[in-house]
Amino acid sequence: VKRGGGLLIGGQAWHWSSSNGKQNALHAYPGNRITGLTGIYF
């Protein structure tokens, strides 16, 4: 993406969070490691 590519990404963290011991989605949800640097968080 940084070099100029585009990314379409989808997911939902509420179910993931409930299935992973109520982990904090902002810090632990895998998609946030990808989208977080752009300012978007699941």
PDB file of all heavy atoms in Angstrom:
ATOM      1  N   VAL A   1       0.837  -1.205   0.000  1.00  0.00           N
ATOM      2  CA  VAL A   1       0.000   0.000   0.000  1.00  0.00           C
ATOM      3  C   VAL A   1       0.869   1.251   0.000  1.00  0.00           C
ATOM      4  O   VAL A   1       0.613   2.190  -0.766  1.00  0.00           O
ATOM      5  CB  VAL A   1      -0.985  -0.010   1.193  1.00  0.00           C
ATOM      6  CG1 VAL A   1      -1.774   1.295   1.257  1.00  0.00           C
ATOM      7  CG2 VAL A   1      -1.941  -1.202   1.096  1.00  0.00           C
ATOM      8  N   LYS A   2       1.888   1.263   0.806  1.00  0.00           N
ATOM      9  CA  LYS A   2       2.771   2.434   0.895  1.00  0.00           C
ATOM     10  C   LYS A   2       3.380   2.780  -0.461  1.00  0.00           C
ATOM     11  O   LYS A   2       3.551   3.949  -0.808  1.00  0.00           O
ATOM     12  CB  LYS A   2       3.875   2.171   1.919  1.00  0.00           C
ATOM     13  CG  LYS A   2       4.664   3.390   2.317  1.00  0.00           C
ATOM     14  CD  LYS A   2       5.704   2.982   3.352  1.00  0.00           C
ATOM     15  CE  LYS A   2       5.676   3.945   4.495  1.00  0.00           C
ATOM     16  NZ  LYS A   2       6.688   3.630   5.501  1.00  0.00           N
ATOM     17  N   ARG A   3       3.692   1.763  -1.267  1.00  0.00           N
ATOM     18  CA  ARG A   3       4.283   1.981  -2.595  1.00  0.00           C
ATOM     19  C   ARG A   3       3.254   2.385  -3.649  1.00  0.00           C
ATOM     20  O   ARG A   3       3.605   2.652  -4.787  1.00  0.00           O
ATOM     21  CB  ARG A   3       5.018   0.724  -3.057  1.00  0.00           C
ATOM     22  CG  ARG A   3       6.286   0.424  -2.289  1.00  0.00           C
ATOM     23  CD  ARG A   3       7.096  -0.701  -2.947  1.00  0.00           C
ATOM     24  NE  ARG A   3       6.298  -1.828  -3.380  1.00  0.00           N
ATOM     25  CZ  ARG A   3       6.101  -2.949  -2.688  1.00  0.00           C
ATOM     26  NH1 ARG A   3       6.649  -3.079  -1.498  1.00  0.00           N
ATOM     27  NH2 ARG A   3       5.375  -3.928  -3.177  1.00  0.00           N
ATOM     28  N   GLY A   4       1.949   2.373  -3.281  1.00  0.00           N
ATOM     29  CA  GLY A   4       0.934   2.824  -4.223  1.00  0.00           C
ATOM     30  C   GLY A   4      -0.170   1.842  -4.505  1.00  0.00           C
ATOM     31  O   GLY A   4      -1.076   2.129  -5.282  1.00  0.00           O
ATOM     32  N   GLY A   5      -0.132   0.669  -3.884  1.00  0.00           N
ATOM     33  CA  GLY A   5      -1.196  -0.319  -4.103  1.00  0.00           C
ATOM     34  C   GLY A   5      -2.456   0.022  -3.342  1.00  0.00           C
ATOM     35  O   GLY A   5      -2.475   0.908  -2.481  1.00  0.00           O
ATOM     36  N   GLY A   6      -3.516  -0.679  -3.669  1.00  0.00           N
ATOM     37  CA  GLY A   6      -4.788  -0.505  -2.972  1.00  0.00           C
ATOM     38  C   GLY A   6      -5.147  -1.764  -2.211  1.00  0.00           C
ATOM     39  O   GLY A   6      -4.815  -2.876  -2.632  1.00  0.00           O
ATOM     40  N   LEU A   7      -5.822  -1.603  -1.074  1.00  0.00           N
ATOM     41  CA  LEU A   7      -6.232  -2.736  -0.260  1.00  0.00           C
ATOM     42  C   LEU A   7      -7.708  -2.610   0.084  1.00  0.00           C
ATOM     43  O   LEU A   7      -8.141  -1.581   0.595  1.00  0.00           O
ATOM     44  CB  LEU A   7      -5.424  -2.796   1.041  1.00  0.00           C
ATOM     45  CG  LEU A   7      -5.831  -3.904   2.030  1.00  0.00           C
ATOM     46  CD1 LEU A   7      -5.499  -5.285   1.480  1.00  0.00           C
ATOM     47  CD2 LEU A   7      -5.149  -3.697   3.378  1.00  0.00           C
ATOM     48  N   LEU A   8      -8.481  -3.647  -0.220  1.00  0.00           N
ATOM     49  CA  LEU A   8      -9.859  -3.783   0.252  1.00  0.00           C
ATOM     50  C   LEU A   8      -9.824  -4.889   1.287  1.00  0.00           C
ATOM     51  O   LEU A   8      -9.435  -6.026   0.978  1.00  0.00           O
ATOM     52  CB  LEU A   8     -10.805  -4.153  -0.894  1.00  0.00           C
ATOM     53  CG  LEU A   8     -12.252  -4.445  -0.490  1.00  0.00           C
ATOM     54  CD1 LEU A   8     -12.922  -3.195   0.070  1.00  0.00           C
ATOM     55  CD2 LEU A   8     -13.041  -4.983  -1.683  1.00  0.00           C
ATOM     56  N   ILE A   9     -10.204  -4.564   2.519  1.00  0.00           N
ATOM     57  CA  ILE A   9     -10.117  -5.531   3.606  1.00  0.00           C
ATOM     58  C   ILE A   9     -11.398  -5.473   4.426  1.00  0.00           C
ATOM     59  O   ILE A   9     -11.933  -4.395   4.675  1.00  0.00           O
ATOM     60  CB  ILE A   9      -8.862  -5.282   4.480  1.00  0.00           C
ATOM     61  CG1 ILE A   9      -8.681  -6.374   5.537  1.00  0.00           C
ATOM     62  CG2 ILE A   9      -8.866  -3.885   5.072  1.00  0.00           C
ATOM     63  CD1 ILE A   9      -7.330  -6.332   6.238  1.00  0.00           C
ATOM     64  N   GLY A  10     -11.907  -6.644   4.804  1.00  0.00           N
ATOM     65  CA  GLY A  10     -13.126  -6.707   5.599  1.00  0.00           C
ATOM     66  C   GLY A  10     -13.008  -7.725   6.709  1.00  0.00           C
ATOM     67  O   GLY A  10     -12.343  -8.747   6.565  1.00  0.00           O
ATOM     68  N   GLY A  11     -13.657  -7.427   7.806  1.00  0.00           N
ATOM     69  CA  GLY A  11     -13.682  -8.334   8.949  1.00  0.00           C
ATOM     70  C   GLY A  11     -14.542  -7.735  10.038  1.00  0.00           C
ATOM     71  O   GLY A  11     -14.950  -6.578   9.950  1.00  0.00           O
ATOM     72  N   GLN A  12     -14.822  -8.539  11.045  1.00  0.00           N
ATOM     73  CA  GLN A  12     -15.553  -8.004  12.194  1.00  0.00           C
ATOM     74  C   GLN A  12     -14.919  -8.549  13.453  1.00  0.00           C
ATOM     75  O   GLN A  12     -14.625  -9.737  13.543  1.00  0.00           O
ATOM     76  CB  GLN A  12     -17.045  -8.274  12.095  1.00  0.00           C
ATOM     77  CG  GLN A  12     -17.457  -9.674  11.766  1.00  0.00           C
ATOM     78  CD  GLN A  12     -17.541 -10.592  12.971  1.00  0.00           C
ATOM     79  OE1 GLN A  12     -17.582 -10.141  14.106  1.00  0.00           O
ATOM     80  NE2 GLN A  12     -17.537 -11.873  12.729  1.00  0.00           N
ATOM     81  N   ALA A  13     -14.677  -7.648  14.375  1.00  0.00           N
ATOM     82  CA  ALA A  13     -13.901  -8.013  15.555  1.00  0.00           C
ATOM     83  C   ALA A  13     -14.734  -8.400  16.763  1.00  0.00           C
ATOM     84  O   ALA A  13     -14.206  -8.979  17.693  1.00  0.00           O
ATOM     85  CB  ALA A  13     -12.961  -6.868  15.926  1.00  0.00           C
ATOM     86  N   TRP A  14     -16.018  -8.093  16.780  1.00  0.00           N
ATOM     87  CA  TRP A  14     -16.800  -8.415  17.983  1.00  0.00           C
ATOM     88  C   TRP A  14     -16.876  -9.932  18.192  1.00  0.00           C
ATOM     89  O   TRP A  14     -16.719 -10.405  19.304  1.00  0.00           O
ATOM     90  CB  TRP A  14     -18.189  -7.776  17.948  1.00  0.00           C
ATOM     91  CG  TRP A  14     -19.115  -8.357  16.918  1.00  0.00           C
ATOM     92  CD1 TRP A  14     -19.346  -7.879  15.664  1.00  0.00           C
ATOM     93  CD2 TRP A  14     -19.908  -9.533  17.052  1.00  0.00           C
ATOM     94  NE1 TRP A  14     -20.237  -8.697  15.003  1.00  0.00           N
ATOM     95  CE2 TRP A  14     -20.596  -9.716  15.834  1.00  0.00           C
ATOM     96  CE3 TRP A  14     -20.105 -10.464  18.073  1.00  0.00           C
ATOM     97  CZ2 TRP A  14     -21.474 -10.781  15.612  1.00  0.00           C
ATOM     98  CZ3 TRP A  14     -20.980 -11.529  17.848  1.00  0.00           C
ATOM     99  CH2 TRP A  14     -21.649 -11.668  16.635  1.00  0.00           C
ATOM    100  N   HIS A  15     -17.109 -10.697  17.133  1.00  0.00           N
ATOM    101  CA  HIS A  15     -17.187 -12.158  17.267  1.00  0.00           C
ATOM    102  C   HIS A  15     -15.810 -12.726  17.580  1.00  0.00           C
ATOM    103  O   HIS A  15     -15.658 -13.608  18.423  1.00  0.00           O
ATOM    104  CB  HIS A  15     -17.757 -12.786  15.998  1.00  0.00           C
ATOM    105  CG  HIS A  15     -17.945 -14.267  16.131  1.00  0.00           C
ATOM    106  ND1 HIS A  15     -16.997 -15.171  15.706  1.00  0.00           N
ATOM    107  CD2 HIS A  15     -18.946 -14.990  16.673  1.00  0.00           C
ATOM    108  CE1 HIS A  15     -17.423 -16.390  15.978  1.00  0.00           C
ATOM    109  NE2 HIS A  15     -18.597 -16.310  16.552  1.00  0.00           N
ATOM    110  N   TRP A  16     -14.791 -12.204  16.901  1.00  0.00           N
ATOM    111  CA  TRP A  16     -13.425 -12.642  17.158  1.00  0.00           C
ATOM    112  C   TRP A  16     -13.072 -12.415  18.625  1.00  0.00           C
ATOM    113  O   TRP A  16     -12.520 -13.292  19.287  1.00  0.00           O
ATOM    114  CB  TRP A  16     -12.454 -11.877  16.257  1.00  0.00           C
ATOM    115  CG  TRP A  16     -11.021 -12.203  16.519  1.00  0.00           C
ATOM    116  CD1 TRP A  16     -10.274 -13.168  15.917  1.00  0.00           C
ATOM    117  CD2 TRP A  16     -10.163 -11.578  17.480  1.00  0.00           C
ATOM    118  NE1 TRP A  16      -9.010 -13.185  16.443  1.00  0.00           N
ATOM    119  CE2 TRP A  16      -8.917 -12.222  17.406  1.00  0.00           C
ATOM    120  CE3 TRP A  16     -10.334 -10.551  18.399  1.00  0.00           C
ATOM    121  CZ2 TRP A  16      -7.852 -11.860  18.213  1.00  0.00           C
ATOM    122  CZ3 TRP A  16      -9.267 -10.196  19.206  1.00  0.00           C
ATOM    123  CH2 TRP A  16      -8.048 -10.848  19.097  1.00  0.00           C
ATOM    124  N   SER A  17     -13.417 -11.233  19.141  1.00  0.00           N
ATOM    125  CA  SER A  17     -13.101 -10.896  20.526  1.00  0.00           C
ATOM    126  C   SER A  17     -13.799 -11.850  21.497  1.00  0.00           C
ATOM    127  O   SER A  17     -13.190 -12.334  22.452  1.00  0.00           O
ATOM    128  CB  SER A  17     -13.515  -9.448  20.813  1.00  0.00           C
ATOM    129  OG  SER A  17     -13.167  -9.075  22.111  1.00  0.00           O
ATOM    130  N   SER A  18     -15.077 -12.144  21.242  1.00  0.00           N
ATOM    131  CA  SER A  18     -15.800 -13.046  22.142  1.00  0.00           C
ATOM    132  C   SER A  18     -15.277 -14.482  22.049  1.00  0.00           C
ATOM    133  O   SER A  18     -15.365 -15.239  23.004  1.00  0.00           O
ATOM    134  CB  SER A  18     -17.301 -13.007  21.848  1.00  0.00           C
ATOM    135  OG  SER A  18     -17.570 -13.540  20.571  1.00  0.00           O
ATOM    136  N   SER A  19     -14.710 -14.849  20.901  1.00  0.00           N
ATOM    137  CA  SER A  19     -14.158 -16.197  20.720  1.00  0.00           C
ATOM    138  C   SER A  19     -12.716 -16.317  21.198  1.00  0.00           C
ATOM    139  O   SER A  19     -12.173 -17.413  21.244  1.00  0.00           O
ATOM    140  CB  SER A  19     -14.205 -16.589  19.238  1.00  0.00           C
ATOM    141  OG  SER A  19     -15.516 -16.581  18.776  1.00  0.00           O
ATOM    142  N   ASN A  20     -12.106 -15.199  21.523  1.00  0.00           N
ATOM    143  CA  ASN A  20     -10.700 -15.204  21.945  1.00  0.00           C
ATOM    144  C   ASN A  20     -10.542 -14.660  23.356  1.00  0.00           C
ATOM    145  O   ASN A  20      -9.683 -13.815  23.625  1.00  0.00           O
ATOM    146  CB  ASN A  20      -9.845 -14.407  20.958  1.00  0.00           C
ATOM    147  CG  ASN A  20      -9.630 -15.161  19.669  1.00  0.00           C
ATOM    148  OD1 ASN A  20      -8.731 -15.979  19.570  1.00  0.00           O
ATOM    149  ND2 ASN A  20     -10.482 -14.910  18.686  1.00  0.00           N
ATOM    150  N   GLY A  21     -11.404 -15.101  24.251  1.00  0.00           N
ATOM    151  CA  GLY A  21     -11.286 -14.746  25.657  1.00  0.00           C
ATOM    152  C   GLY A  21     -11.511 -13.279  25.934  1.00  0.00           C
ATOM    153  O   GLY A  21     -10.884 -12.719  26.839  1.00  0.00           O
ATOM    154  N   LYS A  22     -12.380 -12.655  25.171  1.00  0.00           N
ATOM    155  CA  LYS A  22     -12.712 -11.235  25.364  1.00  0.00           C
ATOM    156  C   LYS A  22     -11.482 -10.334  25.269  1.00  0.00           C
ATOM    157  O   LYS A  22     -11.379  -9.316  25.932  1.00  0.00           O
ATOM    158  CB  LYS A  22     -13.429 -11.008  26.708  1.00  0.00           C
ATOM    159  CG  LYS A  22     -14.705 -11.771  26.868  1.00  0.00           C
ATOM    160  CD  LYS A  22     -15.827 -11.031  26.217  1.00  0.00           C
ATOM    161  CE  LYS A  22     -17.142 -11.733  26.525  1.00  0.00           C
ATOM    162  NZ  LYS A  22     -18.221 -11.302  25.723  1.00  0.00           N
ATOM    163  N   GLN A  23     -10.529 -10.721  24.431  1.00  0.00           N
ATOM    164  CA  GLN A  23      -9.338  -9.895  24.240  1.00  0.00           C
ATOM    165  C   GLN A  23      -9.734  -8.524  23.702  1.00  0.00           C
ATOM    166  O   GLN A  23     -10.718  -8.391  22.989  1.00  0.00           O
ATOM    167  CB  GLN A  23      -8.384 -10.553  23.251  1.00  0.00           C
ATOM    168  CG  GLN A  23      -7.720 -11.789  23.785  1.00  0.00           C
ATOM    169  CD  GLN A  23      -6.671 -12.285  22.806  1.00  0.00           C
ATOM    170  OE1 GLN A  23      -5.851 -11.518  22.327  1.00  0.00           O
ATOM    171  NE2 GLN A  23      -6.703 -13.577  22.521  1.00  0.00           N
ATOM    172  N   ASN A  24      -8.964  -7.541  24.026  1.00  0.00           N
ATOM    173  CA  ASN A  24      -9.206  -6.199  23.528  1.00  0.00           C
ATOM    174  C   ASN A  24      -8.936  -6.170  22.029  1.00  0.00           C
ATOM    175  O   ASN A  24      -7.802  -6.324  21.582  1.00  0.00           O
ATOM    176  CB  ASN A  24      -8.301  -5.206  24.264  1.00  0.00           C
ATOM    177  CG  ASN A  24      -8.562  -3.779  23.845  1.00  0.00           C
ATOM    178  OD1 ASN A  24      -8.946  -3.493  22.709  1.00  0.00           O
ATOM    179  ND2 ASN A  24      -8.347  -2.866  24.779  1.00  0.00           N
ATOM    180  N   ALA A  25      -9.977  -5.981  21.259  1.00  0.00           N
ATOM    181  CA  ALA A  25      -9.860  -6.028  19.800  1.00  0.00           C
ATOM    182  C   ALA A  25      -8.920  -4.961  19.263  1.00  0.00           C
ATOM    183  O   ALA A  25      -8.184  -5.198  18.297  1.00  0.00           O
ATOM    184  CB  ALA A  25     -11.233  -5.885  19.157  1.00  0.00           C
ATOM    185  N   LEU A  26      -8.920  -3.775  19.857  1.00  0.00           N
ATOM    186  CA  LEU A  26      -8.058  -2.708  19.338  1.00  0.00           C
ATOM    187  C   LEU A  26      -6.592  -3.112  19.359  1.00  0.00           C
ATOM    188  O   LEU A  26      -5.830  -2.731  18.480  1.00  0.00           O
ATOM    189  CB  LEU A  26      -8.246  -1.414  20.132  1.00  0.00           C
ATOM    190  CG  LEU A  26      -9.575  -0.700  19.939  1.00  0.00           C
ATOM    191  CD1 LEU A  26      -9.629   0.554  20.806  1.00  0.00           C
ATOM    192  CD2 LEU A  26      -9.803  -0.339  18.485  1.00  0.00           C
ATOM    193  N   HIS A  27      -6.213  -3.910  20.342  1.00  0.00           N
ATOM    194  CA  HIS A  27      -4.804  -4.281  20.466  1.00  0.00           C
ATOM    195  C   HIS A  27      -4.479  -5.657  19.900  1.00  0.00           C
ATOM    196  O   HIS A  27      -3.350  -5.899  19.478  1.00  0.00           O
ATOM    197  CB  HIS A  27      -4.370  -4.229  21.934  1.00  0.00           C
ATOM    198  CG  HIS A  27      -4.532  -2.877  22.533  1.00  0.00           C
ATOM    199  ND1 HIS A  27      -3.779  -1.793  22.148  1.00  0.00           N
ATOM    200  CD2 HIS A  27      -5.396  -2.404  23.464  1.00  0.00           C
ATOM    201  CE1 HIS A  27      -4.150  -0.728  22.818  1.00  0.00           C
ATOM    202  NE2 HIS A  27      -5.138  -1.072  23.622  1.00  0.00           N
ATOM    203  N   ALA A  28      -5.444  -6.567  19.894  1.00  0.00           N
ATOM    204  CA  ALA A  28      -5.131  -7.947  19.556  1.00  0.00           C
ATOM    205  C   ALA A  28      -5.738  -8.448  18.245  1.00  0.00           C
ATOM    206  O   ALA A  28      -5.280  -9.456  17.717  1.00  0.00           O
ATOM    207  CB  ALA A  28      -5.571  -8.866  20.703  1.00  0.00           C
ATOM    208  N   TYR A  29      -6.765  -7.802  17.726  1.00  0.00           N
ATOM    209  CA  TYR A  29      -7.408  -8.280  16.501  1.00  0.00           C
ATOM    210  C   TYR A  29      -6.421  -8.204  15.336  1.00  0.00           C
ATOM    211  O   TYR A  29      -5.808  -7.152  15.098  1.00  0.00           O
ATOM    212  CB  TYR A  29      -8.655  -7.455  16.206  1.00  0.00           C
ATOM    213  CG  TYR A  29      -9.424  -7.901  14.991  1.00  0.00           C
ATOM    214  CD1 TYR A  29     -10.030  -9.150  14.950  1.00  0.00           C
ATOM    215  CD2 TYR A  29      -9.538  -7.090  13.876  1.00  0.00           C
ATOM    216  CE1 TYR A  29     -10.743  -9.573  13.840  1.00  0.00           C
ATOM    217  CE2 TYR A  29     -10.250  -7.503  12.761  1.00  0.00           C
ATOM    218  CZ  TYR A  29     -10.850  -8.742  12.755  1.00  0.00           C
ATOM    219  OH  TYR A  29     -11.545  -9.151  11.650  1.00  0.00           O
ATOM    220  N   PRO A  30      -6.217  -9.294  14.601  1.00  0.00           N
ATOM    221  CA  PRO A  30      -5.201  -9.306  13.540  1.00  0.00           C
ATOM    222  C   PRO A  30      -5.349  -8.185  12.511  1.00  0.00           C
ATOM    223  O   PRO A  30      -4.352  -7.589  12.096  1.00  0.00           O
ATOM    224  CB  PRO A  30      -5.398 -10.684  12.890  1.00  0.00           C
ATOM    225  CG  PRO A  30      -5.968 -11.534  13.976  1.00  0.00           C
ATOM    226  CD  PRO A  30      -6.843 -10.617  14.764  1.00  0.00           C
ATOM    227  N   GLY A  31      -6.559  -7.884  12.086  1.00  0.00           N
ATOM    228  CA  GLY A  31      -6.760  -6.846  11.079  1.00  0.00           C
ATOM    229  C   GLY A  31      -6.287  -5.471  11.511  1.00  0.00           C
ATOM    230  O   GLY A  31      -5.876  -4.656  10.669  1.00  0.00           O
ATOM    231  N   ASN A  32      -6.314  -5.201  12.813  1.00  0.00           N
ATOM    232  CA  ASN A  32      -5.866  -3.888  13.284  1.00  0.00           C
ATOM    233  C   ASN A  32      -4.362  -3.689  13.125  1.00  0.00           C
ATOM    234  O   ASN A  32      -3.889  -2.561  13.053  1.00  0.00           O
ATOM    235  CB  ASN A  32      -6.293  -3.661  14.729  1.00  0.00           C
ATOM    236  CG  ASN A  32      -7.766  -3.339  14.811  1.00  0.00           C
ATOM    237  OD1 ASN A  32      -8.369  -2.860  13.849  1.00  0.00           O
ATOM    238  ND2 ASN A  32      -8.364  -3.608  15.955  1.00  0.00           N
ATOM    239  N   ARG A  33      -3.618  -4.772  13.049  1.00  0.00           N
ATOM    240  CA  ARG A  33      -2.182  -4.647  12.786  1.00  0.00           C
ATOM    241  C   ARG A  33      -1.947  -4.173  11.355  1.00  0.00           C
ATOM    242  O   ARG A  33      -0.919  -3.573  11.057  1.00  0.00           O
ATOM    243  CB  ARG A  33      -1.486  -5.972  13.060  1.00  0.00           C
ATOM    244  CG  ARG A  33      -1.552  -6.349  14.528  1.00  0.00           C
ATOM    245  CD  ARG A  33      -0.722  -7.595  14.834  1.00  0.00           C
ATOM    246  NE  ARG A  33      -0.901  -7.945  16.225  1.00  0.00           N
ATOM    247  CZ  ARG A  33      -1.675  -8.938  16.651  1.00  0.00           C
ATOM    248  NH1 ARG A  33      -2.321  -9.685  15.795  1.00  0.00           N
ATOM    249  NH2 ARG A  33      -1.790  -9.195  17.938  1.00  0.00           N
ATOM    250  N   ILE A  34      -2.913  -4.450  10.485  1.00  0.00           N
ATOM    251  CA  ILE A  34      -2.813  -4.014   9.090  1.00  0.00           C
ATOM    252  C   ILE A  34      -3.386  -2.621   8.911  1.00  0.00           C
ATOM    253  O   ILE A  34      -2.763  -1.751   8.321  1.00  0.00           O
ATOM    254  CB  ILE A  34      -3.544  -5.021   8.167  1.00  0.00           C
ATOM    255  CG1 ILE A  34      -2.883  -6.401   8.262  1.00  0.00           C
ATOM    256  CG2 ILE A  34      -3.562  -4.525   6.729  1.00  0.00           C
ATOM    257  CD1 ILE A  34      -3.688  -7.527   7.619  1.00  0.00           C
ATOM    258  N   THR A  35      -4.588  -2.384   9.429  1.00  0.00           N
ATOM    259  CA  THR A  35      -5.280  -1.118   9.171  1.00  0.00           C
ATOM    260  C   THR A  35      -4.957  -0.014  10.165  1.00  0.00           C
ATOM    261  O   THR A  35      -5.164   1.159   9.870  1.00  0.00           O
ATOM    262  CB  THR A  35      -6.809  -1.335   9.167  1.00  0.00           C
ATOM    263  OG1 THR A  35      -7.229  -1.758  10.472  1.00  0.00           O
ATOM    264  CG2 THR A  35      -7.217  -2.371   8.130  1.00  0.00           C
ATOM    265  N   GLY A  36      -4.467  -0.369  11.332  1.00  0.00           N
ATOM    266  CA  GLY A  36      -4.238   0.614  12.392  1.00  0.00           C
ATOM    267  C   GLY A  36      -3.303   1.748  12.009  1.00  0.00           C
ATOM    268  O   GLY A  36      -3.517   2.898  12.407  1.00  0.00           O
ATOM    269  N   LEU A  37      -2.272   1.459  11.222  1.00  0.00           N
ATOM    270  CA  LEU A  37      -1.339   2.517  10.825  1.00  0.00           C
ATOM    271  C   LEU A  37      -1.989   3.554   9.927  1.00  0.00           C
ATOM    272  O   LEU A  37      -1.488   4.656   9.782  1.00  0.00           O
ATOM    273  CB  LEU A  37      -0.117   1.925  10.114  1.00  0.00           C
ATOM    274  CG  LEU A  37       0.892   1.229  11.011  1.00  0.00           C
ATOM    275  CD1 LEU A  37       2.033   0.651  10.182  1.00  0.00           C
ATOM    276  CD2 LEU A  37       1.454   2.177  12.054  1.00  0.00           C
ATOM    277  N   THR A  38      -3.128   3.211   9.335  1.00  0.00           N
ATOM    278  CA  THR A  38      -3.837   4.161   8.478  1.00  0.00           C
ATOM    279  C   THR A  38      -4.908   4.917   9.250  1.00  0.00           C
ATOM    280  O   THR A  38      -5.592   5.768   8.687  1.00  0.00           O
ATOM    281  CB  THR A  38      -4.499   3.449   7.277  1.00  0.00           C
ATOM    282  OG1 THR A  38      -5.607   2.682   7.733  1.00  0.00           O
ATOM    283  CG2 THR A  38      -3.508   2.578   6.542  1.00  0.00           C
ATOM    284  N   GLY A  39      -5.087   4.585  10.534  1.00  0.00           N
ATOM    285  CA  GLY A  39      -6.063   5.271  11.358  1.00  0.00           C
ATOM    286  C   GLY A  39      -7.430   4.623  11.401  1.00  0.00           C
ATOM    287  O   GLY A  39      -8.382   5.225  11.897  1.00  0.00           O
ATOM    288  N   ILE A  40      -7.569   3.402  10.907  1.00  0.00           N
ATOM    289  CA  ILE A  40      -8.836   2.686  10.945  1.00  0.00           C
ATOM    290  C   ILE A  40      -8.668   1.446  11.822  1.00  0.00           C
ATOM    291  O   ILE A  40      -7.739   0.664  11.619  1.00  0.00           O
ATOM    292  CB  ILE A  40      -9.313   2.263   9.537  1.00  0.00           C
ATOM    293  CG1 ILE A  40      -9.428   3.482   8.622  1.00  0.00           C
ATOM    294  CG2 ILE A  40     -10.649   1.519   9.623  1.00  0.00           C
ATOM    295  CD1 ILE A  40      -9.723   3.140   7.169  1.00  0.00           C
ATOM    296  N   TYR A  41      -9.593   1.279  12.779  1.00  0.00           N
ATOM    297  CA  TYR A  41      -9.526   0.146  13.705  1.00  0.00           C
ATOM    298  C   TYR A  41     -10.857  -0.591  13.747  1.00  0.00           C
ATOM    299  O   TYR A  41     -11.921   0.028  13.820  1.00  0.00           O
ATOM    300  CB  TYR A  41      -9.210   0.625  15.131  1.00  0.00           C
ATOM    301  CG  TYR A  41      -7.854   1.247  15.259  1.00  0.00           C
ATOM    302  CD1 TYR A  41      -7.668   2.600  15.006  1.00  0.00           C
ATOM    303  CD2 TYR A  41      -6.750   0.485  15.632  1.00  0.00           C
ATOM    304  CE1 TYR A  41      -6.415   3.180  15.118  1.00  0.00           C
ATOM    305  CE2 TYR A  41      -5.499   1.065  15.757  1.00  0.00           C
ATOM    306  CZ  TYR A  41      -5.331   2.407  15.493  1.00  0.00           C
ATOM    307  OH  TYR A  41      -4.102   2.982  15.598  1.00  0.00           O
ATOM    308  N   PHE A  42     -10.792  -1.916  13.722  1.00  0.00           N
ATOM    309  CA  PHE A  42     -11.946  -2.752  13.975  1.00  0.00           C
ATOM    310  C   PHE A  42     -12.147  -2.786  15.487  1.00  0.00           C
ATOM    311  O   PHE A  42     -11.176  -2.953  16.228  1.00  0.00           O
ATOM    312  CB  PHE A  42     -11.699  -4.186  13.483  1.00  0.00           C
ATOM    313  CG  PHE A  42     -11.459  -4.306  12.008  1.00  0.00           C
ATOM    314  CD1 PHE A  42     -10.174  -4.227  11.476  1.00  0.00           C
ATOM    315  CD2 PHE A  42     -12.520  -4.515  11.138  1.00  0.00           C
ATOM    316  CE1 PHE A  42      -9.943  -4.370  10.121  1.00  0.00           C
ATOM    317  CE2 PHE A  42     -12.307  -4.653   9.770  1.00  0.00           C
ATOM    318  CZ  PHE A  42     -11.009  -4.569   9.265  1.00  0.00           C
TER     319      PHE A  42
END
